[in-house]
Protein backbone atom coordinates (compact mmCIF):
# COMPACT_ATOMS: atom_id res chain seq x y z
CA MET A 1 0.00 0.00 0.00
CA ILE A 2 1.44 3.32 -1.07
CA THR A 3 0.70 6.38 0.98
CA HIS A 4 1.25 9.88 -0.21
CA VAL A 5 2.71 12.45 2.13
CA ARG A 6 1.39 15.88 1.42
CA ARG A 7 3.96 18.63 1.65
CA VAL A 8 3.00 21.33 4.08
CA HIS A 9 3.38 24.71 2.49
CA ASP A 10 4.87 27.60 4.43
CA ASP A 11 1.53 29.40 4.60
CA GLU A 12 0.01 26.33 6.26
CA ARG A 13 2.57 26.07 9.05
CA PRO A 14 1.60 27.32 12.51
CA PRO A 15 3.08 30.72 13.26
CA ALA A 16 6.45 30.58 14.98
CA MET A 17 6.65 31.79 18.55
CA PRO A 18 8.19 35.26 18.65
CA LYS A 19 11.75 35.32 19.93
CA VAL A 20 12.30 37.09 23.21
CA SER A 21 14.96 39.73 22.77
CA GLU A 22 17.87 40.11 25.16
CA ALA A 23 16.64 43.60 25.98
CA HIS A 24 13.24 42.20 26.96
CA ARG A 25 14.84 39.58 29.18
CA ASP A 26 17.03 42.20 30.84
CA ALA A 27 14.02 44.44 31.44
CA ARG A 28 11.99 41.59 32.92
CA ARG A 29 14.88 40.55 35.16
CA ARG A 30 15.23 44.14 36.35
CA GLN A 31 11.48 44.25 37.06
CA ILE A 32 11.79 41.17 39.25
CA LEU A 33 14.91 42.45 41.02
CA ASP A 34 13.29 45.82 41.75
CA ALA A 35 10.26 44.05 43.24
CA ALA A 36 12.51 41.80 45.32
CA ARG A 37 14.56 44.77 46.54
CA ALA A 38 11.41 46.56 47.72
CA VAL A 39 10.04 43.48 49.49
CA PHE A 40 13.34 42.56 51.15
CA ALA A 41 13.82 46.16 52.30
CA GLU A 42 10.36 46.12 53.93
CA LYS A 43 10.29 42.61 55.41
CA GLY A 44 13.86 41.37 55.51
CA PHE A 45 15.35 38.33 53.83
CA VAL A 46 13.86 35.83 56.30
CA ARG A 47 10.27 37.09 56.54
CA ALA A 48 9.82 37.90 52.86
CA SER A 49 8.29 35.19 50.70
CA THR A 50 8.43 34.50 47.00
CA GLY A 51 4.67 35.12 46.97
CA ASP A 52 5.31 38.66 48.24
CA ILE A 53 7.70 39.24 45.36
CA VAL A 54 5.25 37.79 42.83
CA ALA A 55 2.56 40.17 44.09
CA ARG A 56 4.87 43.19 44.03
CA SER A 57 6.19 42.43 40.54
CA ARG A 58 2.69 41.75 39.13
CA LEU A 59 4.14 38.79 37.25
CA SER A 60 3.25 35.13 37.48
CA SER A 61 5.18 32.81 39.75
CA GLY A 62 6.27 30.93 36.62
CA ALA A 63 7.81 34.09 35.23
CA ILE A 64 9.71 34.64 38.47
CA TYR A 65 11.01 31.07 38.61
CA SER A 66 12.11 31.17 34.97
CA TYR A 67 14.68 33.78 35.99
CA PHE A 68 15.34 32.81 39.61
CA PRO A 69 14.77 29.13 40.53
CA SER A 70 14.44 29.83 44.26
CA LYS A 71 14.23 32.55 46.88
CA ASP A 72 17.91 31.95 47.69
CA HIS A 73 18.81 32.79 44.09
CA LEU A 74 16.80 36.01 44.42
CA VAL A 75 18.54 36.91 47.68
CA ARG A 76 21.98 36.42 46.13
CA ALA A 77 21.02 38.45 43.05
CA VAL A 78 19.63 41.30 45.15
CA CYS A 79 22.74 41.28 47.34
CA GLU A 80 25.00 41.56 44.31
CA ASP A 81 22.83 44.26 42.75
CA THR A 82 22.75 46.27 45.98
CA ILE A 83 26.49 45.99 46.53
CA ASP A 84 27.10 47.09 42.94
CA ARG A 85 24.95 50.18 43.55
CA ALA A 86 26.90 50.93 46.71
CA LEU A 87 30.11 50.61 44.72
CA ASP A 88 28.79 53.17 42.24
CA HIS A 89 28.12 55.62 45.07
CA VAL A 90 31.66 55.25 46.40
CA THR A 91 33.60 55.29 43.15
CA SER A 92 31.85 58.02 41.18
CA PRO A 93 33.76 61.26 40.57
CA ASN A 94 33.49 63.92 43.31
CA LEU A 95 33.89 61.53 46.23
CA SER A 96 32.96 64.22 48.75
CA ALA A 97 29.36 64.07 47.52
CA SER A 98 29.00 60.32 48.19
CA PRO A 99 26.66 60.75 51.21
CA GLU A 100 24.49 63.15 49.22
CA ARG A 101 24.21 60.58 46.43
CA VAL A 102 23.12 57.89 48.89
CA HIS A 103 20.66 60.19 50.66
CA GLY A 104 19.32 61.89 47.56
CA SER A 105 18.82 58.85 45.36
CA GLY A 106 15.24 57.75 44.86
CA ASP A 107 15.78 54.52 46.80
CA GLY A 108 18.20 55.87 49.40
CA ARG A 109 16.39 54.50 52.46
CA GLU A 110 15.59 51.22 50.70
CA HIS A 111 19.23 50.84 49.67
CA ALA A 112 20.38 51.55 53.23
CA ARG A 113 18.03 48.93 54.69
CA LEU A 114 19.25 46.33 52.23
CA MET A 115 22.91 47.11 52.92
CA ALA A 116 22.30 46.77 56.67
CA GLN A 117 20.75 43.34 56.09
CA ILE A 118 23.58 42.30 53.79
CA TRP A 119 26.20 43.18 56.41
CA GLY A 120 24.28 41.26 59.05
CA GLU A 121 23.86 38.23 56.80
CA ALA A 122 27.52 38.37 55.76
CA ALA A 123 28.48 37.92 59.42
CA VAL A 124 27.00 34.40 59.38
CA SER A 125 27.31 33.48 55.68
CA PRO A 126 30.88 32.76 54.53
CA SER A 127 29.92 32.88 50.83
CA LEU A 128 28.21 36.26 51.17
CA ALA A 129 31.06 37.55 53.32
CA GLU A 130 33.50 36.63 50.56
CA GLN A 131 31.32 38.42 48.01
CA VAL A 132 31.20 41.56 50.18
CA ARG A 133 34.97 41.46 50.75
CA ARG A 134 35.61 41.29 47.00
CA HIS A 135 33.39 44.29 46.35
CA LEU A 136 34.94 46.23 49.23
CA ALA A 137 38.40 45.54 47.85
CA THR A 138 37.30 46.89 44.47
CA ALA A 139 35.67 49.92 46.10
CA HIS A 140 38.81 50.62 48.13
CA GLU A 141 41.07 50.38 45.10
CA LYS A 142 38.91 52.70 43.00
CA ALA A 143 38.33 55.18 45.84
CA ALA A 144 42.06 55.32 46.59
CA GLY A 145 42.76 56.05 42.93
CA LEU A 146 40.20 58.86 42.84
CA ILE A 147 41.56 60.35 46.08
CA ARG A 148 45.09 60.14 44.73
CA ASP A 149 44.09 61.93 41.53
CA GLU A 150 42.17 64.62 43.39
CA ARG A 151 45.03 65.28 45.81
CA THR A 152 47.56 65.42 42.99
CA GLY A 153 45.33 67.92 41.18
CA HIS A 154 45.51 70.19 44.23
CA GLY A 155 49.29 69.91 44.50
CA LEU A 156 49.19 67.46 47.43
CA SER A 157 51.03 64.18 47.79
CA GLY A 158 49.02 61.19 46.67
CA ASP A 159 50.46 58.20 48.54
CA PRO A 160 50.41 56.84 51.15
CA HIS A 161 47.61 59.16 52.28
CA ALA A 162 45.19 57.94 49.60
CA THR A 163 45.17 54.35 50.84
CA GLY A 164 44.35 55.28 54.42
CA ALA A 165 41.85 57.93 53.33
CA ALA A 166 40.00 55.34 51.26
CA ASN A 167 39.63 53.13 54.35
CA VAL A 168 38.23 56.03 56.37
CA LEU A 169 35.90 57.00 53.50
CA LEU A 170 34.39 53.51 53.34
CA ALA A 171 33.97 53.46 57.13
CA LEU A 172 32.24 56.86 57.09
CA LEU A 173 29.82 55.77 54.38
CA THR A 174 29.10 52.50 56.18
CA GLY A 175 28.18 54.38 59.35
CA TYR A 176 26.10 56.88 57.42
CA THR A 177 24.22 54.10 55.63
CA LEU A 178 23.46 52.29 58.90
CA ARG A 179 22.04 55.47 60.45
CA LEU A 180 19.87 55.98 57.38
CA ALA A 181 18.68 52.36 57.56
CA MET A 182 17.52 52.85 61.16
CA GLY A 183 15.42 55.85 60.24
CA ASP A 184 17.85 58.48 61.49
CA GLU A 185 17.51 61.65 59.43
CA ALA A 186 21.26 61.93 59.16
CA ASN A 187 22.27 65.18 57.51
CA PRO A 188 24.69 64.35 54.71
CA ASP A 189 26.29 67.81 54.87
CA ALA A 190 28.41 66.95 57.91
CA TYR A 191 29.66 63.80 56.21
CA VAL A 192 30.40 65.70 53.02
CA ARG A 193 32.49 68.23 54.96
CA ALA A 194 34.34 65.44 56.77
CA ILE A 195 35.16 63.64 53.53
CA HIS A 196 36.23 66.91 51.90
CA THR A 197 38.60 67.57 54.81
CA LEU A 198 39.86 64.00 54.71
CA ILE A 199 40.72 64.19 51.02
CA LYS A 200 42.29 67.67 51.12
CA THR A 201 44.33 67.30 54.34
CA PRO A 202 48.03 67.94 53.54
């Protein structure tokens, strides 16, 4: 018995599923991270649930899990994202204005609450502690370079002052961020003046 196979023409094929662009994936991932940041800042890493993040993001749970398989993956991603933002605050030009950037950014208090939680979690999580140490080392190196350049531009010696000044700068910003996280209306002006003096001291 001979059977005939009919060729399916292109116009008879079911439409292909549209490809998801990299830009779309990045935007969706950012949407999820922003929702997770807000929830973790409000409830903390322990009390927050994936359901809270689903509700805040207005996406389905399947969409969340397609990017982050578990809450732990979300926590790690938010930690890295938050530390990267902190690094941007510390290593942008005009170091003296770092507290103003933290305080004046749209998510300043949220960022501070997340950083406080990250430091607390890093105290009991070796893997997170290692991640924080790596970012701090990068922040210190970049801050020291910026301080060195700024001092040289004002006719001051760069080293070894820049290395020590970078340590003090990071400590000042850590303290400022913790006060902000606890609801203290810390005035950034005093910190700005202290950092300015620190950088320009002969």
